[in-house]
Amino acid sequence: MNTLVVYSSLTGNTKMVCEKVYEIIEGEKSIVSISDIKELDIDSFNRFIIGFWVDKGTADKRTREFIKKLSKKEIAFIGTLGAEPESDHGKKVFERVTELCNKNNNLLGGFLCRGKIDPKLVEKMGKFPLKLVHPLTPERLERIEGAKSHPNEKDFENAKNYFKKLF
């Protein structure tokens, strides 16, 4: 099995989790940023682990475009988000990315974990008009603060254990 781990990472969260999972993958393997994917012959890989950061409730745009180019591949995904993966938001993200991956490929599974939120995004949230998208409520500020310590060693171990069982 020839596995490609490809990731899109805004703050470094997704890259870190993908690198940890890459360590435990057996057989032929490669890891690459989605920015450098054009340098590879993706047809030479039959299994993909695709890492993404969550943007607007789904995988970021570059990752979505990459997934749409794949056909008849085995895919698993790793996503990082500021919210708890078990939250309603996390569950919706999982559903959306699962649907996208299953369109032309065989989805093996997916793993979500928390990650710190880009400070530039938090700054933008503070400028949104009140009661619109993502107002900085005390609850949201608490979630943002809690996400700052992620991904952590426990998240890395959970990701590695998930993929050991999956493969």
N, C-alpha and C. Protein backbone atom coordinates (compact mmCIF):
# COMPACT_ATOMS: atom_id res chain seq x y z
N MET A 1 0.85 -1.18 0.00
CA MET A 1 0.00 0.00 0.00
C MET A 1 0.90 1.24 0.00
N ASN A 2 0.67 2.12 -0.93
CA ASN A 2 1.43 3.35 -1.04
C ASN A 2 0.55 4.50 -0.54
N THR A 3 0.91 5.09 0.59
CA THR A 3 0.08 6.08 1.27
C THR A 3 0.67 7.47 1.13
N LEU A 4 -0.20 8.42 0.78
CA LEU A 4 0.19 9.83 0.75
C LEU A 4 -0.57 10.56 1.84
N VAL A 5 0.17 11.23 2.70
CA VAL A 5 -0.42 12.14 3.68
C VAL A 5 -0.26 13.53 3.09
N VAL A 6 -1.37 14.18 2.82
CA VAL A 6 -1.35 15.53 2.26
C VAL A 6 -2.15 16.42 3.21
N TYR A 7 -1.60 17.59 3.51
CA TYR A 7 -2.26 18.44 4.50
C TYR A 7 -2.29 19.90 4.05
N SER A 8 -3.32 20.57 4.52
CA SER A 8 -3.45 22.01 4.39
C SER A 8 -3.49 22.54 5.82
N SER A 9 -2.62 23.47 6.15
CA SER A 9 -2.52 23.93 7.53
C SER A 9 -2.36 25.44 7.57
N LEU A 10 -3.27 26.10 8.26
CA LEU A 10 -3.22 27.57 8.37
C LEU A 10 -2.34 28.01 9.53
N THR A 11 -2.48 27.36 10.68
CA THR A 11 -1.75 27.77 11.88
C THR A 11 -0.68 26.77 12.31
N GLY A 12 -0.59 25.64 11.59
CA GLY A 12 0.37 24.60 11.95
C GLY A 12 -0.28 23.44 12.68
N ASN A 13 -1.53 23.59 13.11
CA ASN A 13 -2.22 22.52 13.85
C ASN A 13 -2.32 21.24 13.02
N THR A 14 -2.85 21.36 11.83
CA THR A 14 -3.08 20.18 10.98
C THR A 14 -1.77 19.54 10.59
N LYS A 15 -0.79 20.34 10.28
CA LYS A 15 0.53 19.80 9.92
C LYS A 15 1.08 18.94 11.06
N MET A 16 0.98 19.44 12.30
CA MET A 16 1.52 18.69 13.44
C MET A 16 0.82 17.35 13.60
N VAL A 17 -0.50 17.34 13.50
CA VAL A 17 -1.24 16.09 13.68
C VAL A 17 -0.90 15.11 12.54
N CYS A 18 -0.83 15.61 11.33
CA CYS A 18 -0.50 14.75 10.18
C CYS A 18 0.91 14.17 10.31
N GLU A 19 1.85 14.96 10.78
CA GLU A 19 3.21 14.45 10.96
C GLU A 19 3.25 13.34 12.00
N LYS A 20 2.48 13.46 13.06
CA LYS A 20 2.44 12.41 14.09
C LYS A 20 1.83 11.13 13.53
N VAL A 21 0.76 11.26 12.75
CA VAL A 21 0.13 10.07 12.16
C VAL A 21 1.06 9.44 11.14
N TYR A 22 1.75 10.25 10.37
CA TYR A 22 2.70 9.77 9.37
C TYR A 22 3.74 8.83 10.00
N GLU A 23 4.16 9.15 11.22
CA GLU A 23 5.17 8.35 11.92
C GLU A 23 4.75 6.89 12.08
N ILE A 24 3.47 6.62 12.21
CA ILE A 24 3.02 5.25 12.52
C ILE A 24 2.54 4.48 11.29
N ILE A 25 2.53 5.12 10.14
CA ILE A 25 2.07 4.44 8.93
C ILE A 25 3.16 3.50 8.43
N GLU A 26 2.77 2.27 8.12
CA GLU A 26 3.72 1.28 7.62
C GLU A 26 3.67 1.23 6.10
N GLY A 27 4.72 0.72 5.51
CA GLY A 27 4.79 0.58 4.06
C GLY A 27 5.29 1.84 3.39
N GLU A 28 5.15 1.86 2.08
CA GLU A 28 5.59 3.04 1.32
C GLU A 28 4.70 4.22 1.68
N LYS A 29 5.31 5.38 1.87
CA LYS A 29 4.54 6.54 2.29
C LYS A 29 5.29 7.81 1.93
N SER A 30 4.51 8.87 1.79
CA SER A 30 5.05 10.21 1.57
C SER A 30 4.15 11.19 2.30
N ILE A 31 4.71 12.35 2.64
CA ILE A 31 3.93 13.41 3.27
C ILE A 31 4.27 14.71 2.55
N VAL A 32 3.23 15.51 2.29
CA VAL A 32 3.44 16.74 1.54
C VAL A 32 2.36 17.77 1.90
N SER A 33 2.75 19.02 1.87
CA SER A 33 1.79 20.10 2.01
C SER A 33 0.97 20.19 0.73
N ILE A 34 -0.27 20.54 0.85
CA ILE A 34 -1.12 20.67 -0.33
C ILE A 34 -0.54 21.72 -1.29
N SER A 35 0.24 22.64 -0.78
CA SER A 35 0.89 23.66 -1.62
C SER A 35 1.88 23.04 -2.59
N ASP A 36 2.43 21.88 -2.23
CA ASP A 36 3.46 21.22 -3.04
C ASP A 36 2.95 19.98 -3.78
N ILE A 37 1.66 19.78 -3.81
CA ILE A 37 1.09 18.55 -4.37
C ILE A 37 1.35 18.42 -5.86
N LYS A 38 1.49 19.51 -6.57
CA LYS A 38 1.70 19.44 -8.02
C LYS A 38 3.01 18.75 -8.38
N GLU A 39 3.93 18.68 -7.43
CA GLU A 39 5.22 18.04 -7.68
C GLU A 39 5.15 16.51 -7.63
N LEU A 40 4.00 15.97 -7.22
CA LEU A 40 3.87 14.52 -7.07
C LEU A 40 2.92 13.93 -8.11
N ASP A 41 3.17 12.68 -8.45
CA ASP A 41 2.25 11.93 -9.29
C ASP A 41 1.24 11.26 -8.35
N ILE A 42 0.09 11.89 -8.18
CA ILE A 42 -0.86 11.36 -7.19
C ILE A 42 -1.45 10.02 -7.62
N ASP A 43 -1.37 9.70 -8.90
CA ASP A 43 -1.89 8.41 -9.36
C ASP A 43 -1.05 7.24 -8.86
N SER A 44 0.16 7.53 -8.38
CA SER A 44 1.02 6.45 -7.88
C SER A 44 0.65 6.06 -6.44
N PHE A 45 -0.30 6.77 -5.85
CA PHE A 45 -0.75 6.47 -4.48
C PHE A 45 -2.15 5.88 -4.54
N ASN A 46 -2.38 4.86 -3.71
CA ASN A 46 -3.72 4.29 -3.66
C ASN A 46 -4.45 4.58 -2.36
N ARG A 47 -3.73 5.09 -1.38
CA ARG A 47 -4.38 5.46 -0.11
C ARG A 47 -3.93 6.86 0.28
N PHE A 48 -4.89 7.66 0.72
CA PHE A 48 -4.62 9.05 1.08
C PHE A 48 -5.13 9.34 2.49
N ILE A 49 -4.32 10.05 3.24
CA ILE A 49 -4.78 10.66 4.49
C ILE A 49 -4.72 12.15 4.22
N ILE A 50 -5.88 12.78 4.27
CA ILE A 50 -5.99 14.18 3.89
C ILE A 50 -6.27 15.02 5.13
N GLY A 51 -5.34 15.92 5.42
CA GLY A 51 -5.47 16.81 6.58
C GLY A 51 -5.97 18.18 6.16
N PHE A 52 -6.88 18.73 6.93
CA PHE A 52 -7.44 20.04 6.61
C PHE A 52 -7.74 20.82 7.88
N TRP A 53 -7.86 22.12 7.71
CA TRP A 53 -8.35 22.99 8.78
C TRP A 53 -9.78 23.35 8.41
N VAL A 54 -10.59 23.52 9.42
CA VAL A 54 -12.01 23.78 9.19
C VAL A 54 -12.23 25.26 8.88
N ASP A 55 -12.95 25.48 7.79
CA ASP A 55 -13.28 26.83 7.35
C ASP A 55 -14.76 26.84 6.97
N LYS A 56 -15.51 27.66 7.63
CA LYS A 56 -16.95 27.79 7.35
C LYS A 56 -17.68 26.45 7.44
N GLY A 57 -17.32 25.66 8.41
CA GLY A 57 -18.05 24.42 8.68
C GLY A 57 -17.70 23.23 7.82
N THR A 58 -16.58 23.31 7.09
CA THR A 58 -16.16 22.18 6.27
C THR A 58 -14.65 22.28 6.06
N ALA A 59 -14.10 21.40 5.23
CA ALA A 59 -12.68 21.47 4.92
C ALA A 59 -12.39 22.77 4.17
N ASP A 60 -11.18 23.28 4.34
CA ASP A 60 -10.78 24.50 3.64
C ASP A 60 -10.87 24.30 2.13
N LYS A 61 -10.94 25.39 1.39
CA LYS A 61 -11.18 25.36 -0.06
C LYS A 61 -10.15 24.53 -0.83
N ARG A 62 -8.88 24.70 -0.53
CA ARG A 62 -7.85 23.95 -1.27
C ARG A 62 -8.00 22.45 -1.06
N THR A 63 -8.34 22.06 0.15
CA THR A 63 -8.54 20.64 0.43
C THR A 63 -9.77 20.11 -0.31
N ARG A 64 -10.85 20.87 -0.29
CA ARG A 64 -12.06 20.43 -1.01
C ARG A 64 -11.76 20.24 -2.50
N GLU A 65 -11.03 21.17 -3.07
CA GLU A 65 -10.68 21.06 -4.49
C GLU A 65 -9.82 19.83 -4.75
N PHE A 66 -8.88 19.54 -3.85
CA PHE A 66 -8.03 18.36 -4.01
C PHE A 66 -8.85 17.08 -3.94
N ILE A 67 -9.72 16.99 -2.95
CA ILE A 67 -10.54 15.77 -2.80
C ILE A 67 -11.39 15.54 -4.04
N LYS A 68 -11.93 16.61 -4.62
CA LYS A 68 -12.77 16.47 -5.81
C LYS A 68 -11.99 15.93 -7.02
N LYS A 69 -10.68 16.07 -7.03
CA LYS A 69 -9.85 15.57 -8.13
C LYS A 69 -9.57 14.07 -8.02
N LEU A 70 -9.76 13.51 -6.82
CA LEU A 70 -9.47 12.10 -6.60
C LEU A 70 -10.63 11.23 -7.05
N SER A 71 -10.30 10.03 -7.51
CA SER A 71 -11.33 9.08 -7.92
C SER A 71 -10.86 7.65 -7.65
N LYS A 72 -11.74 6.88 -7.04
CA LYS A 72 -11.50 5.47 -6.75
C LYS A 72 -10.27 5.24 -5.87
N LYS A 73 -10.08 6.13 -4.90
CA LYS A 73 -8.96 6.01 -3.96
C LYS A 73 -9.51 5.69 -2.57
N GLU A 74 -8.66 5.11 -1.76
CA GLU A 74 -8.99 4.94 -0.35
C GLU A 74 -8.58 6.21 0.37
N ILE A 75 -9.50 6.79 1.12
CA ILE A 75 -9.26 8.08 1.77
C ILE A 75 -9.61 7.98 3.25
N ALA A 76 -8.79 8.64 4.05
CA ALA A 76 -9.13 8.93 5.44
C ALA A 76 -8.81 10.41 5.64
N PHE A 77 -9.43 11.02 6.62
CA PHE A 77 -9.15 12.44 6.82
C PHE A 77 -8.82 12.77 8.26
N ILE A 78 -8.10 13.88 8.41
CA ILE A 78 -7.77 14.48 9.70
C ILE A 78 -8.16 15.94 9.60
N GLY A 79 -9.02 16.38 10.49
CA GLY A 79 -9.41 17.79 10.50
C GLY A 79 -9.15 18.42 11.85
N THR A 80 -8.74 19.67 11.83
CA THR A 80 -8.55 20.42 13.07
C THR A 80 -9.52 21.60 13.08
N LEU A 81 -10.09 21.86 14.25
CA LEU A 81 -11.06 22.93 14.39
C LEU A 81 -11.00 23.49 15.80
N GLY A 82 -11.49 24.70 15.96
CA GLY A 82 -11.46 25.36 17.26
C GLY A 82 -12.46 24.78 18.25
N ALA A 83 -13.54 24.23 17.74
CA ALA A 83 -14.59 23.66 18.59
C ALA A 83 -14.24 22.24 19.00
N GLU A 84 -14.98 21.73 19.95
CA GLU A 84 -14.84 20.33 20.35
C GLU A 84 -15.34 19.45 19.20
N PRO A 85 -14.62 18.40 18.85
CA PRO A 85 -15.09 17.52 17.77
C PRO A 85 -16.46 16.91 18.04
N GLU A 86 -16.81 16.71 19.31
CA GLU A 86 -18.10 16.11 19.67
C GLU A 86 -19.23 17.12 19.69
N SER A 87 -18.93 18.41 19.50
CA SER A 87 -19.97 19.45 19.51
C SER A 87 -20.85 19.32 18.28
N ASP A 88 -21.98 20.02 18.26
CA ASP A 88 -22.84 20.01 17.08
C ASP A 88 -22.07 20.49 15.85
N HIS A 89 -21.27 21.53 16.02
CA HIS A 89 -20.45 22.04 14.92
C HIS A 89 -19.49 20.97 14.42
N GLY A 90 -18.80 20.29 15.33
CA GLY A 90 -17.87 19.23 14.96
C GLY A 90 -18.57 18.10 14.22
N LYS A 91 -19.75 17.73 14.68
CA LYS A 91 -20.50 16.65 14.03
C LYS A 91 -20.91 17.05 12.61
N LYS A 92 -21.29 18.31 12.42
CA LYS A 92 -21.68 18.78 11.08
C LYS A 92 -20.46 18.79 10.15
N VAL A 93 -19.32 19.23 10.67
CA VAL A 93 -18.09 19.21 9.87
C VAL A 93 -17.80 17.78 9.43
N PHE A 94 -17.86 16.85 10.36
CA PHE A 94 -17.58 15.45 10.06
C PHE A 94 -18.52 14.94 8.96
N GLU A 95 -19.80 15.25 9.07
CA GLU A 95 -20.79 14.81 8.07
C GLU A 95 -20.48 15.39 6.70
N ARG A 96 -20.18 16.69 6.65
CA ARG A 96 -19.92 17.35 5.36
C ARG A 96 -18.68 16.78 4.67
N VAL A 97 -17.62 16.59 5.45
CA VAL A 97 -16.38 16.08 4.86
C VAL A 97 -16.54 14.60 4.48
N THR A 98 -17.27 13.86 5.28
CA THR A 98 -17.55 12.46 4.94
C THR A 98 -18.28 12.37 3.61
N GLU A 99 -19.28 13.19 3.42
CA GLU A 99 -20.04 13.20 2.17
C GLU A 99 -19.13 13.55 0.98
N LEU A 100 -18.30 14.56 1.15
CA LEU A 100 -17.38 14.95 0.09
C LEU A 100 -16.42 13.82 -0.28
N CYS A 101 -15.84 13.18 0.72
CA CYS A 101 -14.86 12.11 0.47
C CYS A 101 -15.50 10.88 -0.16
N ASN A 102 -16.75 10.63 0.16
CA ASN A 102 -17.45 9.43 -0.34
C ASN A 102 -17.97 9.57 -1.77
N LYS A 103 -17.94 10.77 -2.33
CA LYS A 103 -18.53 10.97 -3.67
C LYS A 103 -17.88 10.09 -4.73
N ASN A 104 -16.57 10.10 -4.82
CA ASN A 104 -15.88 9.34 -5.88
C ASN A 104 -14.85 8.37 -5.33
N ASN A 105 -14.82 8.22 -4.02
CA ASN A 105 -13.76 7.44 -3.38
C ASN A 105 -14.33 6.55 -2.30
N ASN A 106 -13.47 5.76 -1.71
CA ASN A 106 -13.84 4.89 -0.60
C ASN A 106 -13.31 5.50 0.69
N LEU A 107 -14.20 6.07 1.48
CA LEU A 107 -13.79 6.69 2.75
C LEU A 107 -13.57 5.60 3.80
N LEU A 108 -12.37 5.56 4.34
CA LEU A 108 -12.03 4.58 5.38
C LEU A 108 -12.39 5.08 6.76
N GLY A 109 -12.29 6.40 6.98
CA GLY A 109 -12.60 6.96 8.28
C GLY A 109 -12.10 8.39 8.38
N GLY A 110 -12.44 9.01 9.49
CA GLY A 110 -12.02 10.39 9.70
C GLY A 110 -11.79 10.68 11.17
N PHE A 111 -10.89 11.61 11.42
CA PHE A 111 -10.51 11.99 12.77
C PHE A 111 -10.50 13.51 12.87
N LEU A 112 -11.20 14.04 13.86
CA LEU A 112 -11.19 15.48 14.13
C LEU A 112 -10.56 15.74 15.49
N CYS A 113 -9.82 16.83 15.59
CA CYS A 113 -9.34 17.24 16.91
C CYS A 113 -9.30 18.77 16.98
N ARG A 114 -9.30 19.24 18.19
CA ARG A 114 -9.24 20.69 18.41
C ARG A 114 -7.89 21.24 18.03
N GLY A 115 -7.90 22.50 17.66
CA GLY A 115 -6.67 23.20 17.37
C GLY A 115 -6.86 24.68 17.65
N LYS A 116 -5.77 25.33 17.94
CA LYS A 116 -5.86 26.77 18.23
C LYS A 116 -6.42 27.49 17.01
N ILE A 117 -7.13 28.57 17.28
CA ILE A 117 -7.77 29.35 16.23
C ILE A 117 -6.82 30.47 15.80
N ASP A 118 -6.76 30.70 14.50
CA ASP A 118 -5.92 31.75 13.95
C ASP A 118 -6.27 33.08 14.62
N PRO A 119 -5.29 33.74 15.25
CA PRO A 119 -5.56 35.03 15.91
C PRO A 119 -6.15 36.07 14.96
N LYS A 120 -5.81 36.01 13.69
CA LYS A 120 -6.38 36.96 12.72
C LYS A 120 -7.89 36.76 12.58
N LEU A 121 -8.33 35.50 12.65
CA LEU A 121 -9.75 35.22 12.58
C LEU A 121 -10.46 35.74 13.83
N VAL A 122 -9.85 35.54 14.98
CA VAL A 122 -10.45 36.03 16.22
C VAL A 122 -10.59 37.56 16.16
N GLU A 123 -9.58 38.20 15.62
CA GLU A 123 -9.63 39.66 15.47
C GLU A 123 -10.78 40.07 14.55
N LYS A 124 -10.95 39.34 13.45
CA LYS A 124 -12.07 39.64 12.53
C LYS A 124 -13.41 39.45 13.22
N MET A 125 -13.51 38.39 14.04
CA MET A 125 -14.77 38.13 14.76
C MET A 125 -15.15 39.31 15.62
N GLY A 126 -14.16 39.94 16.22
CA GLY A 126 -14.42 41.09 17.08
C GLY A 126 -14.94 42.29 16.31
N LYS A 127 -14.76 42.30 15.01
CA LYS A 127 -15.21 43.43 14.19
C LYS A 127 -16.54 43.17 13.50
N PHE A 128 -17.06 41.94 13.59
CA PHE A 128 -18.35 41.64 12.97
C PHE A 128 -19.43 42.44 13.67
N PRO A 129 -20.45 42.89 12.92
CA PRO A 129 -21.58 43.56 13.57
C PRO A 129 -22.23 42.61 14.57
N LEU A 130 -22.74 43.17 15.65
CA LEU A 130 -23.36 42.35 16.70
C LEU A 130 -24.45 41.45 16.14
N LYS A 131 -24.55 40.27 16.71
CA LYS A 131 -25.57 39.26 16.40
C LYS A 131 -25.46 38.69 14.99
N LEU A 132 -24.38 38.93 14.32
CA LEU A 132 -24.17 38.27 13.04
C LEU A 132 -23.32 37.04 13.27
N VAL A 133 -22.60 36.61 12.27
CA VAL A 133 -21.80 35.39 12.34
C VAL A 133 -20.73 35.50 13.43
N HIS A 134 -20.64 34.53 14.28
CA HIS A 134 -19.59 34.37 15.29
C HIS A 134 -19.37 35.59 16.20
N PRO A 135 -20.42 36.08 16.87
CA PRO A 135 -20.16 37.17 17.81
C PRO A 135 -19.28 36.66 18.95
N LEU A 136 -18.44 37.53 19.47
CA LEU A 136 -17.52 37.13 20.55
C LEU A 136 -18.23 37.17 21.89
N THR A 137 -19.08 36.18 22.10
CA THR A 137 -19.79 36.04 23.36
C THR A 137 -18.82 35.49 24.41
N PRO A 138 -19.16 35.60 25.69
CA PRO A 138 -18.29 35.00 26.72
C PRO A 138 -18.05 33.51 26.49
N GLU A 139 -19.08 32.79 26.01
CA GLU A 139 -18.93 31.35 25.75
C GLU A 139 -17.93 31.10 24.62
N ARG A 140 -18.03 31.91 23.55
CA ARG A 140 -17.11 31.75 22.42
C ARG A 140 -15.69 32.08 22.84
N LEU A 141 -15.52 33.14 23.62
CA LEU A 141 -14.19 33.51 24.10
C LEU A 141 -13.58 32.39 24.95
N GLU A 142 -14.42 31.73 25.74
CA GLU A 142 -13.96 30.61 26.56
C GLU A 142 -13.51 29.44 25.67
N ARG A 143 -14.27 29.16 24.59
CA ARG A 143 -13.88 28.08 23.66
C ARG A 143 -12.58 28.43 22.95
N ILE A 144 -12.43 29.69 22.55
CA ILE A 144 -11.21 30.13 21.88
C ILE A 144 -10.01 29.96 22.80
N GLU A 145 -10.18 30.35 24.04
CA GLU A 145 -9.09 30.21 25.01
C GLU A 145 -8.76 28.74 25.24
N GLY A 146 -9.78 27.90 25.35
CA GLY A 146 -9.56 26.47 25.56
C GLY A 146 -8.85 25.80 24.38
N ALA A 147 -9.11 26.31 23.19
CA ALA A 147 -8.50 25.72 21.99
C ALA A 147 -7.02 26.05 21.87
N LYS A 148 -6.56 27.07 22.59
CA LYS A 148 -5.15 27.50 22.47
C LYS A 148 -4.15 26.42 22.85
N SER A 149 -4.55 25.49 23.67
CA SER A 149 -3.62 24.44 24.12
C SER A 149 -3.67 23.19 23.23
N HIS A 150 -4.34 23.29 22.11
CA HIS A 150 -4.49 22.15 21.20
C HIS A 150 -3.88 22.46 19.85
N PRO A 151 -3.48 21.43 19.11
CA PRO A 151 -3.43 20.04 19.54
C PRO A 151 -2.32 19.83 20.56
N ASN A 152 -2.56 18.90 21.47
CA ASN A 152 -1.58 18.59 22.51
C ASN A 152 -1.18 17.11 22.41
N GLU A 153 -0.37 16.68 23.33
CA GLU A 153 0.14 15.29 23.28
C GLU A 153 -0.99 14.26 23.30
N LYS A 154 -2.02 14.54 24.07
CA LYS A 154 -3.17 13.60 24.11
C LYS A 154 -3.85 13.54 22.74
N ASP A 155 -4.00 14.69 22.08
CA ASP A 155 -4.58 14.71 20.74
C ASP A 155 -3.73 13.90 19.77
N PHE A 156 -2.40 14.06 19.86
CA PHE A 156 -1.49 13.31 18.98
C PHE A 156 -1.64 11.81 19.21
N GLU A 157 -1.69 11.41 20.47
CA GLU A 157 -1.84 9.99 20.79
C GLU A 157 -3.17 9.45 20.29
N ASN A 158 -4.23 10.23 20.48
CA ASN A 158 -5.55 9.80 19.99
C ASN A 158 -5.54 9.62 18.48
N ALA A 159 -4.91 10.55 17.77
CA ALA A 159 -4.83 10.46 16.31
C ALA A 159 -4.05 9.21 15.89
N LYS A 160 -2.90 9.00 16.51
CA LYS A 160 -2.08 7.83 16.16
C LYS A 160 -2.84 6.54 16.45
N ASN A 161 -3.48 6.47 17.60
CA ASN A 161 -4.24 5.26 17.95
C ASN A 161 -5.39 5.02 16.98
N TYR A 162 -6.06 6.09 16.59
CA TYR A 162 -7.17 5.96 15.62
C TYR A 162 -6.66 5.34 14.32
N PHE A 163 -5.55 5.86 13.80
CA PHE A 163 -5.05 5.37 12.52
C PHE A 163 -4.38 4.00 12.63
N LYS A 164 -3.84 3.66 13.79
CA LYS A 164 -3.32 2.30 13.97
C LYS A 164 -4.47 1.30 13.85
N LYS A 165 -5.60 1.61 14.45
CA LYS A 165 -6.76 0.72 14.38
C LYS A 165 -7.38 0.71 12.98
N LEU A 166 -7.38 1.85 12.33
CA LEU A 166 -8.00 1.97 11.00
C LEU A 166 -7.22 1.17 9.96
N PHE A 167 -5.90 1.21 10.06
CA PHE A 167 -5.05 0.52 9.08
C PHE A 167 -4.53 -0.80 9.63
